[in-house]
Structures are given as C-alpha cells and as structure tokens.
C-alpha cells in the first residue's frame, strides 16, 4: 500500500491513521498535502464530534520523509506547517494516540492536537539540530507553550529522544498508559468526549488557543444553541443529556 493517510468514522469519532510502515510512518509531501483537506471534510461532517490521530502499527510517526528534505527543504517545511496549522485549527477535540517513536514532524503533529495519550514505551524527540534544519516558528512556539522554554530547548538543542514518563512530566504527554492499554483508554476517553457539549468544547478550544475576537459570538451561540437548557434539564431529571449543538451549522 502506498504511503497515505487512512481514516474512518465510528461512534462519532474520526480516526486518522498515518500509514507509511516501510519508513516508520514518515510523512511524505503527498501526506502533508493531504491532511488539510481531509480535516476540512471531517470538520464539516456532523457525525464527527472528536478526532484521534495515530500511526500504523507500533510507531506514531518518525517525522518527515528525509527524501522530501533533499528535494526542497523549504517546500517540505511549508507543507508541514500548513498541515500542523490545519490540525491545530480543527474545531472539535483532537487526541494523538502515540506508540513507539514520535519524532520531528511526528511531534509537530502530536503537539498540534489538543491532547496526547502515549504508551509507556513511546519516545518523543525533535531532531532538526541533527540535520541543520531550522524548525518552524509556529511549531517551536507551540511546543514551548506545552512544555515551557527549558524542556523545549532541551529537545531542540540536543535532538535527543525522551521517554513517555519525561514527556508526561514536561506536559508533552497528558496520559501515559501501560503498553497494550492505549486503545482501550482512548476509546474510553473519546466516549466521554462525544457525550459532552460540543458547544462548550469548541468555545473552550478557541479561548484556550488564545483567540480573543469571538467572545460575543460564543455568548450568542450559548444563548441560541440549546445545550445549556438541555444540560440543566438533564441534570435535574437525572438523565444523560442529549446535546445538539453542531460546529458544522453554527460554528
């Protein structure tokens, strides 16, 4: 099978799989290019309420396919940044499920997700210093925001890999699971995500990401969307809420 991004939707969760096992799921130019339109389609799908990004088999993503750097480092980086920004802007909750190596462009993609769950044996790294590559400004700032300046500098300056325990301590990972238990935990957590109000999640995501020009928009959405009334009614009636607000027609 050619290197590609696979995707499926089940139980309101879209799963995007980085599929390039011959090169430990390294991202080719075509894969970087394919991610933004794929995300646009999933964002517009009312059946999708959350997204999981993962890698085929035992590796998340070993970064950019080095052959793309040989051809044109600037073009390869531009494509990676466009993909990263599209993932960061996805209007619904996103979660990276990390096994094995999450390196370079793989860390770039994982950091662009809202949350990162990893197996204990996962390894994280940012390796441009080994290649003499200037890491993108957007990706650098995003990693610093997650980990703080010193842990980010350790990764950038050394190019060394860190284990999942250290990633958890620095904020690069949000949960670390024993090997073999990642899928179960991701399924459990995404069931929680899709049961909650997407209105709350979408507004919180924008606020947390620093957007400051849509306060009135979200006040209007809360007033007109119906989720607040449904949530209060469900609480008083001791039943599960049936939230109906959708990014696709009101966001």
Protein backbone atom coordinates (compact mmCIF):
# COMPACT_ATOMS: atom_id res chain seq x y z
CA UNK A 1 0.00 0.00 0.00
CA UNK A 2 1.25 3.47 -0.91
CA UNK A 3 2.09 5.94 1.87
CA UNK A 4 -1.17 7.63 2.78
CA UNK A 5 -3.49 8.89 5.47
CA UNK A 6 -6.28 6.45 6.24
CA UNK A 7 -9.43 7.48 8.04
CA UNK A 8 -12.62 6.05 9.43
CA UNK A 9 -15.57 7.27 11.48
CA UNK A 10 -17.26 5.21 14.18
CA UNK A 11 -19.35 6.19 17.20
CA UNK A 12 -18.89 9.90 16.41
CA UNK A 13 -15.08 9.61 16.48
CA UNK A 14 -12.93 10.08 13.38
CA UNK A 15 -9.66 8.15 13.40
CA UNK A 16 -6.86 9.29 11.09
CA UNK A 17 -4.01 6.81 10.67
CA UNK A 18 -0.57 7.80 9.38
CA UNK A 19 0.23 4.84 7.12
CA UNK A 20 3.79 4.51 5.86
CA UNK A 21 5.11 1.47 7.74
CA UNK A 22 8.08 0.95 5.42
CA UNK A 23 9.56 4.17 6.83
CA UNK A 24 8.10 4.11 10.35
CA UNK A 25 5.16 6.25 9.21
CA UNK A 26 7.32 9.11 7.98
CA UNK A 27 5.26 11.83 6.30
CA UNK A 28 5.76 12.30 2.57
CA UNK A 29 4.98 15.54 0.76
CA UNK A 30 1.77 13.99 -0.52
CA UNK A 31 0.72 13.01 3.01
CA UNK A 32 1.38 16.51 4.36
CA UNK A 33 -0.59 17.93 1.45
CA UNK A 34 -3.50 15.54 2.00
CA UNK A 35 -4.06 16.34 5.68
CA UNK A 36 -5.71 19.80 5.48
CA UNK A 37 -8.48 18.80 3.02
CA UNK A 38 -9.06 15.58 4.94
CA UNK A 39 -9.51 17.60 8.14
CA UNK A 40 -11.83 20.04 6.36
CA UNK A 41 -14.08 17.18 5.36
CA UNK A 42 -14.15 15.70 8.85
CA UNK A 43 -14.81 19.11 10.41
CA UNK A 44 -17.81 19.53 8.12
CA UNK A 45 -19.19 16.08 8.95
CA UNK A 46 -21.90 16.40 11.65
CA UNK A 47 -21.34 12.73 12.53
CA UNK A 48 -17.83 13.59 13.78
CA UNK A 49 -17.55 15.00 17.30
CA UNK A 50 -13.89 14.18 18.06
CA UNK A 51 -10.77 13.09 16.18
CA UNK A 52 -7.96 10.67 17.02
CA UNK A 53 -4.63 10.82 15.18
CA UNK A 54 -2.40 7.76 15.37
CA UNK A 55 0.16 5.78 13.41
CA UNK A 56 0.00 2.41 11.72
CA UNK A 57 1.36 -0.43 13.83
CA UNK A 58 3.88 0.19 16.58
CA UNK A 59 5.08 3.67 15.54
CA UNK A 60 3.28 7.01 15.65
CA UNK A 61 5.39 8.96 13.15
CA UNK A 62 9.14 9.15 12.60
CA UNK A 63 8.87 12.66 11.15
CA UNK A 64 9.19 13.91 7.61
CA UNK A 65 10.40 11.51 4.94
CA UNK A 66 14.03 12.65 4.55
CA UNK A 67 13.77 12.40 0.77
CA UNK A 68 11.42 15.40 0.86
CA UNK A 69 14.12 17.45 2.55
CA UNK A 70 16.65 16.51 -0.12
CA UNK A 71 14.33 17.73 -2.86
CA UNK A 72 13.30 21.04 -1.26
CA UNK A 73 13.59 21.68 2.48
CA UNK A 74 11.62 24.91 2.23
CA UNK A 75 8.70 23.33 0.38
CA UNK A 76 8.64 20.34 2.74
CA UNK A 77 8.57 22.62 5.77
CA UNK A 78 5.86 24.79 4.25
CA UNK A 79 3.65 21.74 3.67
CA UNK A 80 4.28 20.51 7.22
CA UNK A 81 3.33 23.87 8.71
CA UNK A 82 0.12 24.02 6.69
CA UNK A 83 -0.81 20.54 7.92
CA UNK A 84 0.11 21.39 11.51
CA UNK A 85 -1.94 24.58 11.47
CA UNK A 86 -4.94 22.79 9.95
CA UNK A 87 -4.79 20.21 12.73
CA UNK A 88 -4.45 22.88 15.43
CA UNK A 89 -7.45 24.74 13.98
CA UNK A 90 -9.71 21.66 13.80
CA UNK A 91 -12.83 22.89 15.63
CA UNK A 92 -13.53 19.69 17.57
CA UNK A 93 -11.44 17.90 20.24
CA UNK A 94 -8.36 16.13 18.89
CA UNK A 95 -6.23 13.47 20.56
CA UNK A 96 -2.91 11.96 19.46
CA UNK A 97 -2.58 8.27 20.39
CA UNK A 98 1.17 7.67 20.47
CA UNK A 99 3.03 4.38 20.28
CA UNK A 100 6.72 3.96 19.61
CA UNK A 101 8.60 6.84 18.00
CA UNK A 102 7.03 10.29 17.82
CA UNK A 103 9.85 12.31 16.29
CA UNK A 104 10.32 15.55 14.36
CA UNK A 105 7.22 16.07 12.24
CA UNK A 106 5.51 13.42 14.34
CA UNK A 107 5.98 15.56 17.45
CA UNK A 108 4.87 18.55 15.40
CA UNK A 109 1.58 16.79 14.63
CA UNK A 110 1.12 15.44 18.15
CA UNK A 111 1.69 18.89 19.64
CA UNK A 112 -0.93 20.35 17.30
CA UNK A 113 -3.53 18.02 18.82
CA UNK A 114 -5.42 19.11 21.92
CA UNK A 115 -4.31 16.09 23.96
CA UNK A 116 -1.66 13.38 23.74
CA UNK A 117 -2.01 9.88 25.24
CA UNK A 118 1.04 7.63 24.97
CA UNK A 119 2.19 4.13 25.77
CA UNK A 120 4.96 3.76 28.34
CA UNK A 121 7.44 2.67 25.67
CA UNK A 122 6.81 5.74 23.46
CA UNK A 123 9.72 8.02 22.63
CA UNK A 124 9.45 11.71 21.74
CA UNK A 125 12.01 13.89 20.03
CA UNK A 126 12.63 16.95 17.90
CA UNK A 127 15.66 16.33 15.73
CA UNK A 128 16.32 19.27 13.35
CA UNK A 129 19.65 20.00 15.07
CA UNK A 130 20.89 16.67 13.70
CA UNK A 131 20.14 17.87 10.16
CA UNK A 132 20.89 21.58 10.35
CA UNK A 133 17.22 22.41 9.80
CA UNK A 134 15.53 25.47 11.33
CA UNK A 135 12.35 24.19 12.98
CA UNK A 136 9.21 26.16 12.01
CA UNK A 137 8.41 29.13 14.23
CA UNK A 138 4.79 28.04 14.75
CA UNK A 139 5.79 24.55 15.81
CA UNK A 140 8.54 25.90 18.09
CA UNK A 141 6.14 28.25 19.86
CA UNK A 142 3.52 25.53 20.21
CA UNK A 143 5.99 23.16 21.84
CA UNK A 144 7.23 25.89 24.19
CA UNK A 145 3.63 26.61 25.19
CA UNK A 146 3.15 22.92 26.05
CA UNK A 147 6.36 22.21 27.92
CA UNK A 148 7.84 25.57 28.91
CA UNK A 149 11.06 27.04 27.49
CA UNK A 150 13.67 24.82 29.19
CA UNK A 151 12.22 21.41 28.25
CA UNK A 152 11.62 22.64 24.71
CA UNK A 153 15.20 23.90 24.44
CA UNK A 154 16.48 20.54 25.66
CA UNK A 155 14.65 18.86 22.78
CA UNK A 156 15.61 21.45 20.16
CA UNK A 157 19.24 21.84 21.18
CA UNK A 158 20.11 18.18 21.68
CA UNK A 159 17.89 16.29 19.27
CA UNK A 160 17.77 13.55 21.93
CA UNK A 161 14.72 11.38 22.49
CA UNK A 162 12.85 11.44 25.79
CA UNK A 163 10.69 8.68 27.22
CA UNK A 164 6.99 8.91 27.92
CA UNK A 165 7.49 9.46 31.64
CA UNK A 166 9.57 12.56 30.97
CA UNK A 167 7.09 13.71 28.32
CA UNK A 168 4.36 13.43 30.95
CA UNK A 169 6.34 15.46 33.47
CA UNK A 170 7.01 18.24 30.96
CA UNK A 171 3.47 18.43 29.60
CA UNK A 172 4.18 16.94 26.19
CA UNK A 173 2.04 13.93 27.12
CA UNK A 174 -1.24 14.14 29.06
CA UNK A 175 -1.61 10.46 29.99
CA UNK A 176 0.79 7.51 29.84
CA UNK A 177 -0.62 4.00 29.65
CA UNK A 178 0.98 0.59 30.03
CA UNK A 179 1.85 -0.94 26.67
CA UNK A 180 -1.18 -2.65 25.20
CA UNK A 181 -3.73 -0.48 27.01
CA UNK A 182 -3.67 2.63 24.83
CA UNK A 183 -6.53 1.69 22.51
CA UNK A 184 -8.82 0.82 25.41
CA UNK A 185 -8.13 4.10 27.18
CA UNK A 186 -8.51 6.18 24.01
CA UNK A 187 -11.84 4.50 23.26
CA UNK A 188 -12.99 5.11 26.83
CA UNK A 189 -11.93 8.75 26.82
CA UNK A 190 -13.39 9.56 23.40
CA UNK A 191 -16.71 8.10 24.55
CA UNK A 192 -16.59 10.71 27.31
CA UNK A 193 -15.70 13.47 24.85
CA UNK A 194 -18.55 12.77 22.46
CA UNK A 195 -21.06 12.65 25.32
CA UNK A 196 -20.23 16.22 26.35
CA UNK A 197 -21.36 19.52 24.85
CA UNK A 198 -19.50 20.33 21.65
CA UNK A 199 -20.54 23.94 22.20
CA UNK A 200 -18.56 24.01 25.45
CA UNK A 201 -15.62 22.21 23.86
CA UNK A 202 -15.44 24.38 20.73
CA UNK A 203 -15.63 27.64 22.68
CA UNK A 204 -13.09 26.46 25.26
CA UNK A 205 -10.72 25.35 22.50
CA UNK A 206 -10.77 28.79 20.88
CA UNK A 207 -10.32 30.58 24.21
CA UNK A 208 -7.51 28.26 25.30
CA UNK A 209 -5.76 28.72 21.96
CA UNK A 210 -5.72 32.47 22.53
CA UNK A 211 -8.46 33.73 20.23
CA UNK A 212 -9.85 36.99 21.62
CA UNK A 213 -12.28 38.26 18.96
CA UNK A 214 -15.20 35.84 19.37
CA UNK A 215 -16.46 36.33 22.92
CA UNK A 216 -19.74 37.79 21.70
CA UNK A 217 -20.08 35.03 19.11
CA UNK A 218 -19.89 32.32 21.76
CA UNK A 219 -22.29 34.20 24.04
CA UNK A 220 -24.77 34.24 21.16
CA UNK A 221 -24.17 30.56 20.45
CA UNK A 222 -24.78 29.64 24.09
CA UNK A 223 -27.97 31.68 24.14
CA UNK A 224 -29.36 30.22 20.91
CA UNK A 225 -27.81 26.76 20.79
CA UNK A 226 -29.94 24.96 23.34
CA UNK A 227 -27.15 22.98 25.01
CA UNK A 228 -27.33 24.90 28.28
CA UNK A 229 -31.07 24.32 28.66
CA UNK A 230 -30.64 20.65 27.76
CA UNK A 231 -27.76 20.20 30.18
CA UNK A 232 -29.66 21.75 33.09
CA UNK A 233 -32.82 19.79 32.29
CA UNK A 234 -30.89 16.53 32.06
CA UNK A 235 -29.19 17.19 35.39
CA UNK A 236 -32.49 17.92 37.14
CA UNK A 237 -34.17 14.92 35.52
CA UNK A 238 -31.21 12.64 36.37
CA UNK A 239 -30.68 11.51 32.78
CA UNK A 240 -27.91 11.70 30.21
CA UNK A 241 -28.03 14.95 28.23
CA UNK A 242 -28.70 14.95 24.51
CA UNK A 243 -26.63 17.87 23.31
CA UNK A 244 -27.48 19.06 19.81
CA UNK A 245 -25.19 22.00 19.03
CA UNK A 246 -23.02 21.41 15.97
CA UNK A 247 -19.92 23.16 14.68
CA UNK A 248 -20.99 22.44 11.13
CA UNK A 249 -24.06 24.63 11.04
CA UNK A 250 -23.44 27.23 13.73
CA UNK A 251 -19.70 27.47 14.41
